[in-house]
Structure formats: C-alpha cells, structure tokens
Protein backbone atom coordinates (compact mmCIF):
# COMPACT_ATOMS: atom_id res chain seq x y z
CA MET A 1 28.25 -170.53 12.43
CA SER A 2 25.64 -170.58 15.20
CA PRO A 3 25.83 -173.33 17.86
CA HIS A 4 22.51 -174.89 16.87
CA LEU A 5 23.73 -175.37 13.28
CA LEU A 6 27.00 -176.77 14.63
CA ALA A 7 24.92 -179.17 16.72
CA ALA A 8 23.16 -180.45 13.62
CA GLU A 9 26.49 -180.66 11.72
CA SER A 10 28.20 -182.47 14.59
CA ALA A 11 25.26 -184.83 14.79
CA SER A 12 25.59 -185.56 11.06
CA ASP A 13 29.34 -186.30 11.44
CA ASN A 14 28.52 -188.86 14.12
CA ARG A 15 25.24 -190.08 12.63
CA PRO A 16 26.19 -193.82 12.59
CA LEU A 17 26.84 -193.67 16.36
CA ILE A 18 23.57 -191.83 17.03
CA ILE A 19 21.47 -194.15 14.86
CA THR A 20 23.12 -197.21 16.49
CA LEU A 21 22.29 -195.95 20.00
CA PHE A 22 18.71 -195.25 19.00
CA ALA A 23 18.30 -198.61 17.27
CA VAL A 24 19.79 -200.49 20.27
CA PHE A 25 17.39 -198.82 22.67
CA VAL A 26 14.27 -199.22 20.52
CA LEU A 27 15.07 -202.88 19.74
CA ALA A 28 15.88 -203.64 23.40
CA THR A 29 12.63 -202.15 24.65
CA LEU A 30 10.63 -203.83 21.88
CA GLY A 31 12.27 -207.10 22.98
CA ILE A 32 11.11 -206.48 26.57
CA THR A 33 7.63 -205.65 25.26
CA ILE A 34 7.38 -208.85 23.17
CA TRP A 35 8.61 -210.94 26.14
CA ALA A 36 6.02 -209.33 28.44
CA GLY A 37 3.33 -209.65 25.75
CA ARG A 38 3.77 -213.44 25.80
CA GLN A 39 2.98 -213.41 29.53
CA THR A 40 -0.27 -211.47 28.94
CA LYS A 41 -2.98 -214.11 29.16
CA ASP A 42 -6.12 -212.23 30.25
CA ALA A 43 -7.62 -208.76 30.85
CA ASN A 44 -6.07 -208.58 34.33
CA ASP A 45 -2.63 -209.01 32.77
CA PHE A 46 -3.31 -206.52 29.93
CA TYR A 47 -4.80 -203.75 32.12
CA ALA A 48 -3.08 -204.25 35.50
CA GLY A 49 0.02 -206.37 34.78
CA GLY A 50 -1.52 -209.23 36.78
CA ARG A 51 -1.12 -207.02 39.92
CA GLN A 52 2.30 -208.62 40.38
CA PHE A 53 4.49 -205.54 40.78
CA SER A 54 5.99 -204.59 44.15
CA GLY A 55 5.75 -201.12 45.70
CA PHE A 56 9.33 -200.30 44.65
CA GLN A 57 8.86 -201.60 41.08
CA ASN A 58 5.62 -199.66 40.69
CA GLY A 59 7.22 -196.54 42.24
CA LEU A 60 9.97 -196.79 39.63
CA ALA A 61 7.39 -197.27 36.86
CA ILE A 62 5.30 -194.32 38.13
CA SER A 63 8.46 -192.19 38.04
CA GLY A 64 9.12 -193.40 34.50
CA ASP A 65 5.53 -192.53 33.57
CA TYR A 66 5.63 -189.10 35.21
CA MET A 67 9.10 -187.81 34.29
CA SER A 68 8.10 -187.13 30.72
CA ALA A 69 9.57 -185.12 27.85
CA ALA A 70 8.00 -182.12 29.58
CA SER A 71 10.15 -182.71 32.65
CA PHE A 72 13.39 -183.43 30.84
CA LEU A 73 13.18 -181.12 27.83
CA GLY A 74 10.45 -178.60 28.68
CA ILE A 75 11.53 -177.62 32.19
CA ALA A 76 15.21 -177.33 31.20
CA GLY A 77 14.11 -175.03 28.35
CA ALA A 78 11.74 -173.03 30.56
CA ILE A 79 14.48 -172.42 33.16
CA ALA A 80 17.10 -171.62 30.50
CA LEU A 81 14.86 -168.91 28.99
CA SER A 82 12.80 -167.71 32.01
CA GLY A 83 15.09 -168.37 35.00
CA TYR A 84 13.30 -168.55 38.34
CA ASP A 85 9.83 -168.55 36.76
CA GLY A 86 10.76 -171.62 34.67
CA PHE A 87 11.76 -173.52 37.84
CA LEU A 88 8.18 -173.10 39.14
CA TYR A 89 7.21 -176.02 36.88
CA SER A 90 9.57 -178.30 38.85
CA ILE A 91 8.06 -177.24 42.17
CA GLY A 92 4.48 -177.66 40.94
CA PHE A 93 5.07 -181.11 39.43
CA LEU A 94 6.66 -182.34 42.67
CA VAL A 95 4.20 -180.84 45.21
CA ALA A 96 1.35 -182.40 43.21
CA TRP A 97 2.37 -185.84 44.48
CA LEU A 98 1.35 -184.97 48.02
CA VAL A 99 -2.26 -184.54 46.84
CA ALA A 100 -2.07 -187.89 45.03
CA LEU A 101 -0.58 -189.62 48.09
CA LEU A 102 -2.86 -188.13 50.75
CA LEU A 103 -6.19 -188.17 48.91
CA VAL A 104 -6.25 -190.59 46.01
CA ALA A 105 -3.68 -193.44 45.83
CA GLU A 106 -4.91 -195.81 48.53
CA PRO A 107 -8.72 -195.30 48.25
CA LEU A 108 -8.53 -195.64 44.47
CA ARG A 109 -6.55 -198.90 44.60
CA ASN A 110 -9.10 -200.31 47.04
CA SER A 111 -12.17 -199.15 45.10
CA GLY A 112 -11.57 -199.99 41.46
CA ARG A 113 -10.35 -202.72 39.17
CA TYR A 114 -8.79 -201.21 36.05
CA THR A 115 -10.03 -197.65 35.42
CA MET A 116 -11.46 -194.51 37.03
CA GLY A 117 -14.86 -195.52 35.60
CA ASP A 118 -14.90 -198.57 37.92
CA VAL A 119 -14.87 -196.31 41.00
CA LEU A 120 -17.67 -194.05 39.72
CA ALA A 121 -19.84 -196.90 38.45
CA TYR A 122 -19.73 -198.70 41.81
CA ARG A 123 -22.39 -196.45 43.38
CA MET A 124 -23.90 -194.70 40.33
CA ARG A 125 -25.68 -195.52 37.07
CA GLN A 126 -23.11 -197.52 35.09
CA ARG A 127 -23.54 -196.48 31.47
CA PRO A 128 -23.62 -192.66 31.73
CA VAL A 129 -20.71 -192.39 34.21
CA ARG A 130 -18.57 -194.93 32.36
CA THR A 131 -19.18 -193.01 29.11
CA ALA A 132 -18.18 -189.72 30.79
CA ALA A 133 -15.09 -191.28 32.42
CA GLY A 134 -14.02 -192.85 29.12
CA VAL A 135 -14.40 -189.60 27.16
CA SER A 136 -12.52 -187.62 29.82
CA THR A 137 -9.66 -190.15 29.99
CA ILE A 138 -9.21 -190.10 26.21
CA VAL A 139 -9.26 -186.27 25.99
CA VAL A 140 -6.73 -185.80 28.85
CA SER A 141 -4.46 -188.50 27.39
CA ILE A 142 -4.51 -186.87 23.94
CA PHE A 143 -3.53 -183.47 25.46
CA TYR A 144 -0.63 -185.17 27.25
CA LEU A 145 0.34 -187.14 24.13
CA LEU A 146 0.64 -183.86 22.22
CA ALA A 147 3.52 -182.81 24.47
CA GLN A 148 5.38 -186.07 23.94
CA MET A 149 4.92 -185.94 20.17
CA ALA A 150 6.18 -182.34 20.09
CA GLY A 151 9.22 -183.37 22.15
CA ALA A 152 9.98 -186.33 19.88
CA GLY A 153 9.85 -184.22 16.73
CA VAL A 154 12.18 -181.59 18.16
CA LEU A 155 14.65 -184.09 19.58
CA VAL A 156 15.14 -186.37 16.61
CA SER A 157 15.22 -183.41 14.19
CA LEU A 158 18.10 -181.91 16.21
CA LEU A 159 19.98 -185.20 16.26
CA LEU A 160 19.66 -186.11 12.62
CA GLY A 161 20.06 -182.54 11.41
CA ILE A 162 16.59 -182.55 9.85
CA THR A 163 15.44 -179.01 9.09
CA SER A 164 12.62 -179.66 6.62
CA GLU A 165 9.05 -179.56 7.92
CA ALA A 166 8.25 -182.79 6.03
CA GLY A 167 11.10 -184.56 7.85
CA LYS A 168 9.87 -183.38 11.25
CA ILE A 169 6.34 -184.56 10.45
CA LEU A 170 7.69 -187.99 9.43
CA ILE A 171 9.48 -188.29 12.81
CA VAL A 172 6.23 -187.62 14.72
CA VAL A 173 4.52 -190.34 12.61
CA LEU A 174 7.31 -192.86 13.31
CA VAL A 175 7.15 -192.24 17.08
CA GLY A 176 3.40 -192.85 16.89
CA VAL A 177 3.90 -196.18 15.10
CA VAL A 178 6.52 -197.44 17.62
CA MET A 179 4.26 -196.39 20.53
CA MET A 180 1.29 -198.33 19.08
CA LEU A 181 3.51 -201.43 18.81
CA TYR A 182 4.52 -201.14 22.50
CA VAL A 183 0.94 -201.08 23.77
CA THR A 184 -0.72 -203.52 21.36
CA ILE A 185 1.99 -206.16 21.94
CA GLY A 186 2.92 -205.71 25.60
CA GLY A 187 -0.10 -204.31 27.47
CA MET A 188 0.51 -203.14 31.04
CA LYS A 189 3.29 -205.68 31.74
CA GLY A 190 5.41 -204.61 28.78
CA THR A 191 4.71 -200.91 29.38
CA THR A 192 5.64 -201.18 33.08
CA TRP A 193 8.99 -202.87 32.36
CA VAL A 194 9.82 -200.27 29.70
CA GLN A 195 8.97 -197.48 32.18
CA MET A 196 11.18 -199.00 34.88
CA VAL A 197 14.16 -199.28 32.49
CA LYS A 198 13.54 -195.74 31.25
CA ALA A 199 13.36 -194.29 34.81
CA VAL A 200 16.78 -195.77 35.62
CA LEU A 201 18.25 -194.45 32.35
CA LEU A 202 16.77 -190.97 32.83
CA ILE A 203 18.01 -190.62 36.42
CA ALA A 204 21.47 -191.88 35.37
CA GLY A 205 21.64 -189.52 32.37
CA THR A 206 20.44 -186.50 34.36
CA LEU A 207 22.85 -187.35 37.19
CA LEU A 208 25.75 -187.45 34.70
CA ILE A 209 24.88 -184.04 33.20
CA THR A 210 24.30 -182.53 36.67
CA PHE A 211 27.70 -183.83 37.86
CA LEU A 212 29.50 -182.46 34.79
CA VAL A 213 27.77 -179.06 35.04
CA LEU A 214 28.61 -178.72 38.75
CA LEU A 215 32.18 -179.92 38.07
CA LYS A 216 32.55 -177.06 35.58
CA PHE A 217 31.71 -174.63 38.42
CA ASN A 218 33.71 -176.52 41.11
CA PHE A 219 30.42 -177.62 42.73
CA ASN A 220 29.68 -174.01 43.64
CA ILE A 221 25.95 -173.49 42.91
CA SER A 222 26.28 -169.76 43.60
CA ASP A 223 28.85 -169.44 40.78
CA LEU A 224 26.57 -171.45 38.47
CA LEU A 225 23.58 -169.18 39.16
CA GLY A 226 25.72 -166.04 38.86
CA GLU A 227 27.07 -167.13 35.47
CA ALA A 228 23.54 -168.04 34.31
CA ALA A 229 22.27 -164.57 35.24
CA LYS A 230 25.24 -162.89 33.54
CA ASN A 231 25.02 -165.00 30.36
CA SER A 232 21.23 -164.61 30.09
CA GLY A 233 21.68 -160.94 29.16
CA ILE A 234 18.99 -160.05 31.71
CA GLY A 235 21.15 -159.81 34.84
CA GLU A 236 20.05 -160.47 38.42
CA SER A 237 16.33 -160.35 37.56
CA PHE A 238 16.90 -163.74 35.83
CA LEU A 239 17.15 -165.27 39.33
CA GLU A 240 14.15 -163.40 40.73
CA PRO A 241 10.41 -164.05 40.37
CA GLY A 242 8.50 -162.18 37.70
CA LEU A 243 10.48 -162.55 34.46
CA LYS A 244 7.64 -164.47 32.81
CA TYR A 245 4.75 -164.26 35.28
CA GLY A 246 5.24 -160.80 36.80
CA LEU A 247 4.96 -158.59 33.72
CA ASN A 248 1.35 -157.51 34.36
CA ALA A 249 -1.90 -158.56 36.05
CA THR A 250 -2.66 -161.13 33.32
CA THR A 251 0.66 -162.96 33.70
CA LYS A 252 0.27 -162.99 37.50
CA LEU A 253 -3.15 -164.62 37.11
CA ASP A 254 -1.60 -167.05 34.61
CA PHE A 255 0.93 -168.07 37.24
CA ILE A 256 -1.83 -168.76 39.82
CA SER A 257 -3.72 -170.72 37.16
CA LEU A 258 -0.62 -172.76 36.29
CA GLY A 259 0.14 -173.46 39.98
CA ILE A 260 -3.40 -174.71 40.70
CA ALA A 261 -3.36 -176.92 37.57
CA LEU A 262 0.03 -178.47 38.40
CA VAL A 263 -0.71 -179.15 42.06
CA LEU A 264 -4.19 -180.62 41.52
CA GLY A 265 -3.66 -182.22 38.11
CA THR A 266 -1.54 -185.26 39.02
CA ALA A 267 -4.30 -186.82 41.14
CA GLY A 268 -6.59 -186.78 38.09
CA LEU A 269 -4.18 -188.01 35.38
CA PRO A 270 -5.52 -191.28 33.90
CA HIS A 271 -2.12 -192.83 33.13
CA ILE A 272 -1.02 -192.23 36.75
CA LEU A 273 -4.33 -193.44 38.23
CA ILE A 274 -4.18 -196.81 36.42
CA ARG A 275 -0.71 -197.44 37.87
CA PHE A 276 -2.28 -197.82 41.33
CA TYR A 277 -4.10 -200.94 40.08
CA THR A 278 -0.88 -202.81 39.16
CA VAL A 279 0.06 -203.56 42.79
CA PRO A 280 -1.49 -206.34 44.93
CA THR A 281 -2.55 -204.19 47.93
CA ALA A 282 -3.35 -200.63 48.99
CA GLN A 283 -0.28 -200.69 51.23
CA ALA A 284 1.84 -201.40 48.16
CA ALA A 285 0.07 -198.52 46.33
CA ARG A 286 1.01 -196.14 49.15
CA LYS A 287 4.57 -197.47 49.22
CA SER A 288 4.89 -197.02 45.44
CA VAL A 289 3.85 -193.35 45.75
CA ASN A 290 6.44 -192.84 48.51
CA TRP A 291 9.14 -194.30 46.24
CA ALA A 292 7.90 -192.17 43.34
CA ILE A 293 8.05 -188.98 45.42
CA GLY A 294 11.67 -189.75 46.40
CA ILE A 295 12.84 -190.57 42.87
CA ILE A 296 10.94 -187.69 41.26
CA GLY A 297 12.12 -185.27 43.97
CA VAL A 298 15.77 -186.07 43.23
CA PHE A 299 15.13 -185.64 39.51
CA TYR A 300 13.44 -182.24 39.85
CA LEU A 301 16.28 -180.97 42.05
CA MET A 302 18.63 -181.85 39.20
CA THR A 303 16.56 -179.79 36.74
CA ILE A 304 18.14 -176.75 38.45
CA ALA A 305 21.52 -177.84 37.05
CA LEU A 306 20.02 -178.66 33.64
CA GLY A 307 18.17 -175.36 33.21
CA PHE A 308 20.57 -172.92 34.84
CA GLY A 309 23.52 -174.87 33.36
CA ALA A 310 22.06 -174.33 29.87
CA ALA A 311 21.56 -170.62 30.67
CA ALA A 312 25.18 -170.33 31.92
CA LEU A 313 26.95 -172.31 29.20
CA LEU A 314 24.87 -171.80 26.05
CA ASP A 315 24.07 -168.71 24.03
CA ARG A 316 20.43 -167.68 24.63
CA ASP A 317 19.88 -166.88 20.94
CA ALA A 318 21.25 -170.30 19.95
CA ILE A 319 18.74 -172.05 22.24
CA ILE A 320 15.86 -170.04 20.75
CA ALA A 321 17.14 -170.55 17.19
CA SER A 322 17.23 -174.32 17.75
CA ASN A 323 13.68 -174.33 19.16
CA LYS A 324 11.51 -171.28 19.91
CA SER A 325 10.33 -172.68 23.25
CA GLY A 326 13.74 -173.92 24.44
CA ASN A 327 12.91 -177.64 24.19
CA THR A 328 16.43 -178.52 22.94
CA ALA A 329 18.30 -176.83 25.83
CA ALA A 330 19.08 -180.14 27.64
CA PRO A 331 20.57 -182.01 24.63
CA LEU A 332 22.52 -178.89 23.54
CA LEU A 333 23.87 -178.60 27.11
CA ALA A 334 24.94 -182.28 27.01
CA GLU A 335 26.85 -181.61 23.79
CA GLU A 336 28.52 -178.48 25.22
CA ILE A 337 29.50 -180.25 28.47
CA GLY A 338 30.95 -183.18 26.51
CA GLY A 339 33.43 -180.89 24.75
CA GLY A 340 31.42 -178.82 22.29
CA PRO A 341 29.71 -179.31 18.92
CA ASP A 342 32.86 -180.29 17.03
CA SER A 343 34.11 -182.89 19.54
CA THR A 344 33.54 -186.65 19.67
CA GLY A 345 32.79 -186.39 23.42
CA GLY A 346 30.11 -183.80 22.73
CA ALA A 347 28.56 -185.97 20.01
CA ILE A 348 28.58 -189.06 22.25
CA LEU A 349 26.97 -187.22 25.17
CA LEU A 350 24.42 -185.59 22.83
CA ALA A 351 23.54 -189.03 21.43
CA VAL A 352 23.31 -190.68 24.88
CA ILE A 353 21.15 -187.93 26.42
CA SER A 354 18.94 -187.76 23.34
CA ALA A 355 18.50 -191.55 23.37
CA VAL A 356 17.48 -191.27 27.05
CA ALA A 357 15.04 -188.46 26.21
CA PHE A 358 13.65 -190.51 23.34
CA ALA A 359 13.26 -193.46 25.73
CA THR A 360 11.40 -191.11 28.05
CA ILE A 361 9.01 -190.10 25.30
CA LEU A 362 8.31 -193.68 24.17
CA ALA A 363 7.67 -194.93 27.71
CA VAL A 364 5.32 -192.07 28.64
CA VAL A 365 3.50 -192.28 25.31
CA ALA A 366 2.98 -196.03 25.85
CA GLY A 367 1.55 -195.39 29.35
CA LEU A 368 -0.81 -192.69 28.09
CA THR A 369 -2.04 -194.74 25.16
CA LEU A 370 -2.60 -197.74 27.43
CA ALA A 371 -4.67 -195.59 29.84
CA SER A 372 -6.92 -194.23 27.10
CA SER A 373 -7.30 -197.50 25.18
CA SER A 374 -8.04 -199.37 28.45
CA SER A 375 -10.74 -196.86 29.31
CA PHE A 376 -12.25 -197.13 25.82
CA ALA A 377 -12.27 -200.95 25.89
CA HIS A 378 -13.28 -201.48 29.53
CA ASP A 379 -15.63 -198.54 30.11
CA LEU A 380 -17.07 -197.68 26.68
CA TYR A 381 -16.90 -200.93 24.68
CA ALA A 382 -17.40 -203.67 27.30
CA ASN A 383 -19.79 -201.90 29.69
CA VAL A 384 -21.63 -199.33 27.53
CA ILE A 385 -21.71 -200.67 23.95
CA ARG A 386 -21.77 -204.42 24.81
CA LYS A 387 -23.57 -203.89 28.18
CA GLY A 388 -21.20 -206.16 30.10
CA LYS A 389 -21.51 -209.07 27.65
CA ALA A 390 -18.09 -208.78 25.98
CA THR A 391 -15.59 -211.59 26.53
CA GLN A 392 -12.10 -210.78 27.85
CA LYS A 393 -10.67 -211.62 24.41
CA GLU A 394 -13.04 -209.15 22.72
CA GLU A 395 -12.22 -206.49 25.31
CA ILE A 396 -8.46 -206.78 24.79
CA SER A 397 -8.97 -206.73 20.99
CA ALA A 398 -11.02 -203.51 21.37
CA ALA A 399 -8.21 -202.00 23.48
CA ARG A 400 -5.68 -202.79 20.76
CA TRP A 401 -7.81 -201.21 18.02
CA ALA A 402 -8.40 -198.19 20.27
CA THR A 403 -4.62 -197.85 20.62
CA VAL A 404 -4.32 -197.46 16.84
CA GLY A 405 -7.17 -194.91 16.72
CA ILE A 406 -5.94 -192.78 19.63
CA GLY A 407 -2.35 -193.01 18.39
CA THR A 408 -3.42 -191.73 14.98
CA VAL A 409 -5.25 -188.72 16.50
CA ALA A 410 -2.19 -187.93 18.67
CA VAL A 411 0.12 -188.07 15.63
CA VAL A 412 -2.08 -185.69 13.59
CA LEU A 413 -2.36 -183.15 16.46
CA GLY A 414 1.34 -183.62 17.35
CA VAL A 415 2.30 -182.41 13.87
CA PHE A 416 0.66 -179.02 14.63
CA ALA A 417 2.04 -178.79 18.19
CA ARG A 418 5.71 -179.39 17.37
CA ASP A 419 6.85 -175.80 18.09
CA LEU A 420 5.12 -175.42 21.49
CA ASN A 421 6.97 -175.71 24.83
CA VAL A 422 6.30 -179.26 26.01
CA ALA A 423 6.14 -178.29 29.71
CA GLY A 424 3.38 -175.80 28.88
CA LEU A 425 1.49 -178.44 26.88
CA VAL A 426 1.62 -180.89 29.79
CA ALA A 427 0.36 -178.16 32.13
CA LEU A 428 -2.73 -177.98 29.89
CA ALA A 429 -3.29 -181.73 30.31
CA PHE A 430 -2.97 -181.23 34.08
CA ALA A 431 -5.60 -178.46 33.95
CA VAL A 432 -8.06 -180.65 32.01
CA ALA A 433 -7.45 -183.60 34.41
CA ALA A 434 -7.91 -181.40 37.50
CA SER A 435 -11.09 -179.84 36.06
CA ALA A 436 -12.86 -183.00 34.89
CA ASN A 437 -11.48 -185.98 36.85
CA LEU A 438 -10.36 -184.80 40.28
CA PRO A 439 -13.67 -183.23 41.49
CA THR A 440 -15.58 -186.36 40.45
CA ILE A 441 -13.11 -188.76 42.11
CA LEU A 442 -13.05 -186.81 45.40
CA TYR A 443 -16.83 -186.34 45.54
CA SER A 444 -17.39 -190.01 44.72
CA LEU A 445 -15.01 -191.22 47.43
CA PHE A 446 -15.88 -188.76 50.20
CA TRP A 447 -19.41 -187.29 49.68
CA LYS A 448 -22.36 -189.48 50.59
CA ARG A 449 -24.96 -187.39 48.70
CA PHE A 450 -23.07 -187.32 45.39
CA THR A 451 -25.25 -188.49 42.48
CA THR A 452 -24.87 -189.62 38.86
CA GLN A 453 -26.03 -186.20 37.64
CA GLY A 454 -23.41 -184.50 39.82
CA ALA A 455 -20.72 -186.76 38.32
CA LEU A 456 -21.83 -186.03 34.75
CA TRP A 457 -22.04 -182.26 35.30
CA SER A 458 -18.61 -182.29 36.96
CA ILE A 459 -16.84 -184.38 34.28
CA TYR A 460 -18.43 -182.82 31.21
CA GLY A 461 -18.50 -179.30 32.69
CA GLY A 462 -14.82 -179.40 33.69
CA LEU A 463 -13.84 -181.05 30.40
CA ILE A 464 -15.77 -178.74 28.07
CA SER A 465 -14.86 -175.52 29.92
CA SER A 466 -11.12 -176.32 30.05
CA VAL A 467 -10.85 -177.46 26.41
CA PHE A 468 -13.02 -174.52 25.22
CA LEU A 469 -10.83 -171.98 27.06
CA VAL A 470 -7.64 -173.57 25.70
CA LEU A 471 -8.98 -173.32 22.12
CA PHE A 472 -9.46 -169.56 22.53
CA SER A 473 -6.24 -168.96 24.48
CA PRO A 474 -2.78 -167.75 23.32
CA VAL A 475 -1.65 -171.41 23.27
CA VAL A 476 -3.60 -171.99 20.04
CA SER A 477 -3.41 -168.61 18.27
CA GLY A 478 -2.16 -165.02 18.49
CA LYS A 479 1.52 -165.47 19.47
CA GLU A 480 4.78 -166.48 17.80
CA THR A 481 4.90 -169.62 19.93
CA SER A 482 1.21 -170.53 19.41
CA MET A 483 0.05 -173.70 17.66
CA PHE A 484 -1.23 -171.50 14.77
CA PRO A 485 1.01 -168.39 14.93
CA ASP A 486 -0.29 -166.82 11.70
CA VAL A 487 -3.88 -166.35 12.89
CA ASP A 488 -5.39 -164.75 15.96
CA PHE A 489 -8.80 -165.74 17.30
CA HIS A 490 -7.91 -165.81 21.00
CA TRP A 491 -10.01 -163.82 23.50
CA PHE A 492 -9.18 -165.73 26.72
CA PRO A 493 -5.99 -164.04 28.01
CA LEU A 494 -4.54 -166.86 30.17
CA GLU A 495 -2.36 -169.65 28.78
CA ASN A 496 -3.69 -172.12 31.36
CA PRO A 497 -7.45 -172.44 32.02
CA GLY A 498 -7.11 -173.98 35.53
CA LEU A 499 -8.09 -170.82 37.44
CA ILE A 500 -11.56 -170.89 35.83
CA SER A 501 -12.21 -174.52 34.87
CA ILE A 502 -11.06 -176.31 38.09
CA PRO A 503 -13.37 -174.39 40.49
CA LEU A 504 -16.11 -174.76 37.84
CA GLY A 505 -15.67 -178.57 37.83
CA PHE A 506 -16.10 -178.67 41.64
CA LEU A 507 -19.02 -176.21 41.53
CA LEU A 508 -20.91 -178.12 38.82
CA GLY A 509 -20.47 -181.44 40.67
CA TRP A 510 -21.98 -179.85 43.80
CA LEU A 511 -24.76 -178.06 41.87
CA GLY A 512 -25.66 -181.11 39.76
CA THR A 513 -26.05 -183.15 42.93
CA LEU A 514 -28.20 -180.50 44.66
CA VAL A 515 -30.69 -180.18 41.76
CA SER A 516 -30.79 -183.94 41.09
CA LYS A 517 -33.93 -185.84 42.07
CA GLU A 518 -31.97 -189.10 42.27
CA GLN A 519 -31.72 -190.67 45.71
CA PRO A 520 -28.11 -191.84 46.29
CA ASP A 521 -27.71 -195.47 47.38
CA LYS A 522 -26.48 -195.04 50.96
CA ASP A 523 -25.71 -198.74 51.36
CA LYS A 524 -23.50 -198.69 48.28
CA TYR A 525 -21.69 -195.60 49.60
CA ALA A 526 -21.17 -197.30 52.98
CA GLU A 527 -19.68 -200.32 51.15
CA LEU A 528 -17.45 -198.06 49.04
CA GLU A 529 -16.32 -196.16 52.14
CA VAL A 530 -15.33 -199.36 53.96
CA ARG A 531 -13.62 -200.72 50.87
CA SER A 532 -11.72 -197.50 50.04
CA LEU A 533 -10.49 -196.99 53.60
CA THR A 534 -9.75 -200.60 54.62
CA GLY A 535 -9.30 -202.55 51.38
CA HIS A 536 -11.90 -205.12 52.48
CA GLY A 537 -13.47 -206.65 49.36
CA ALA A 538 -10.99 -205.00 46.97
CA HIS A 539 -10.21 -206.90 43.75
C-alpha cells in the first residue's frame, strides 16, 4: 500500500485523537476571540486593536499573519519536489521584509488611521481613491485567501482520510464559516491574539520537526542534502538551480517574474499594511518589523529541513499521489519522523503538526478577511457610499456584513483552487499587491507631483493587468496542476504576471500624473511629508 494511503488509514485509526486536538485548538482560539470581542467598544478597537499592542507583540502577530499555509505547506512541498528552485520561495518571502521595513512601515503608520485608503485620501480626491484602494484591497485579499482555502482542504482531507470531492468541498466551506466567526466577533483585537498564539505554535512545531529531521542525520546537513538528492531520483541536479526555472527561456523569465513579485509584494499586502496601525507609535511599528524579520528568518531557515527532509525521507511518488503540488509534504514528513504511518508516535505528530497548520490557516484567513472587510467598511461604505456620515456603529456593522460576503466569495473560489500549490497561489497575490498597491503608496509618500489620476491609473492599471494575465496563464488552464486542467485557453506563458504588471503599475502612475490637468496640493504634500517622516500629527 502506498504511503499516502497508509497516512489516511493511520489517521483514521487515531481519528478520536486528531479530532480532539482540532476541537481543542478551535475552541481555545474562539474563546480568545470572544474575550477580545467583548473589549471591542469602537471603530479604533475593531480596526486597530485600540493601538495597544507593543512592538514585540505586533512583531509576533505580523509573523503569525505572514507565515501562512503557503510558507508551511507550500514551500515544504515546492522544495520536496523541485529542490533548490523550491527554496527560492523562502528567500523571496524573507528578503521582501527589507522593502517593507525601509520604505513603508514607519511612514505608513504615521500617515494613516486604519487603511491604505487613508494615506491616499489625505492629499487627493477622497471618493475615487478610496474606491480604488477598497477594490484593490479586496481583490488582493481574495487571491491570498484562495491559497489558505486550498491548504485547508488538502490538510483536513489528509487527516480525516477524506477522498471524495464532496468531502473536500465541505471542509473548505467549514473553514470559511469558522474564519467569518473569528472576524465578526473579535475584530482586530481577537485576530491579533489568535495570530500571536499561532506564531508561537508554528515556530514550536517547525522547530520540533527540524530537530527530529536533523537528529535522523546526526545534525549533518550535508548528509541530509545528499540523501534528498539521492532519494529524489534526479541526483545532484536536485541541489542545483534550474530544475523548475531553468528548463527554457520561458521558465527563466518566470523565475525573474516570481522574484520581483515576492520581493516587492509584501510592502503592498493589505493584511500586513493594517498591522502597522495597531501599535501606538512609528517607533513601535519599526520595532515590530525588526521582530518579525527575526522570527520569520528563523522560520524560513527551518523550511530547508522541512523540504529537503521530506525529499530525503519520503517517496516522491507518494508525495505527488497525496497532492499533485506537494502541499502535504510537511504533515507526511511529521508522520514519518514520528515513527511511520502505522505508529502511534507518527499519528500523534501528524495530528499535532496538522493542528498547527490548521491554526496557521485560520489565523491568516482571519487577518486577510479583516483587512478586506475593514477597507470595504471604512473606505467604500463610510467615506464613499455614506460620504463620511456613517456612525462608528454602522461602520462596524458594515465590516461584519462584508466579512460574510468576502468569506463566501473566498469559499467558492477556494473549492476550484484546492489542487494548486499554495506557495504559487500566494505568489500571485504578491504580484497583484506589488502591481496595484506598492506604486501608489510609494508615489503618494515620496512624489510631490503625484495626482489623483496617477493614483487611479496606477491602482486600476496594475490590478486589471495582473488579474487579466493570471486568467490567461497556465495557473488557470492548460496544465495538469491548473485550476481547470481539462480546458486550455491560456496564451500568456508565465505563471506569475509580476514581470509585466509591476513595471506597468509604476509606469501608469507616472503617466497618469503627467497627463493630468489637476494641480497637486503642495501644502497637503508638505504636511504628509512631515507627518510620515516625523510622526507629528499622527493619529
């Protein structure tokens, strides 16, 4: 019997244990959420957690928000199947934080209140830029949510031995329902506490697996890599660049596109941007990013052990049979390290690691949904539809209803995306964020001449071009691992649109400003500049 079937069988033998672990975690985090929800008295509490979190707490929460299912499941799978080229995801995700730290974290905390739209609306025409910022935030969040939904479906199906498509769809729906509860009840306070708990659990779980993998190879990383290369069936080329991205000119361009998207995407991700508003000062925002870089850096170093450990200790065909894109490599590795599919130790470790991964998914999904529902309520509902006349109670109510709407869309799309590699899906969200949000944020903060038209061209141009190219790329159709593998309407050869759409976002922002007849308000820019650089007058 193949290892992936044994995994399902072993999981079924120990199902009471697995269900108990899951139930304990979900009930504990719901308890935290309800407790925090009772402390949520106004919009400041719901959107920014009352700005009461310290730099360390927020750094932990940012880590919890950032180390998603893509990091834990997707990267391990990408390394296990593609070797060196899979590890490039780890490098890209980590380096991206330097852009966020150096260019965005502090000025953004000083300039806005709750959302990216606040920064843009400060010196431009409120309604059009808030509408654009709201639309962009929701689209990027839904792309990112897709990855988490896909990860949840794969993970719980493996654990409970569910092989039917109807069962997998039901799991995605259940994750969506739990996520909506987190956000509607707890707001930013509840979400932040859940993310902090989850970050600690994820680091502890990954540390345990890393220790056990290295112990198996007497802490000799060279032996681990050698065994991974040998067991991969590919030999030494498994440890060299080019296995996935060096096949031809198209794959090389795809690698450049992926790298640009990963490095520039973090600074434009809505659920990361709103975390900078939960701290009392810009200094605390900078400190929280420093903490996040340290925690995330340690985690991504450990993905080497997860990915190459899976390649060394698991059968490649078994990983692919369990999930085409390798998303189950980390839990299968945990089971193998614990003693194998037929052992109690293996079942316990599989259950613990899967519960941690599930925690990861729930926490990230809650953060994403909060970002998009906040943007809908604060930017679109309160400032565009109600023209600034909505009460705080009405605004929070709109955010809660938006959570249900966005969650429903994510569930429906997540059903179709359940066989895609979650790291690749997140890279798409990064590309959309870097194309639509980053050019507009940087121009708004640092270019005096930037106008409303420039902002609209940049956001909509980057958004439409990136989403359009994804729709006609191999991610959606034309390959075995595509969202719709049975049809082929792709004509754009790259799996990531960043190479085209990110420069286009910057170009359109510049061009829209040049052809605009609007005269920028220099006094407002001077105020924004002082505020963003010094914090004077920040909320």
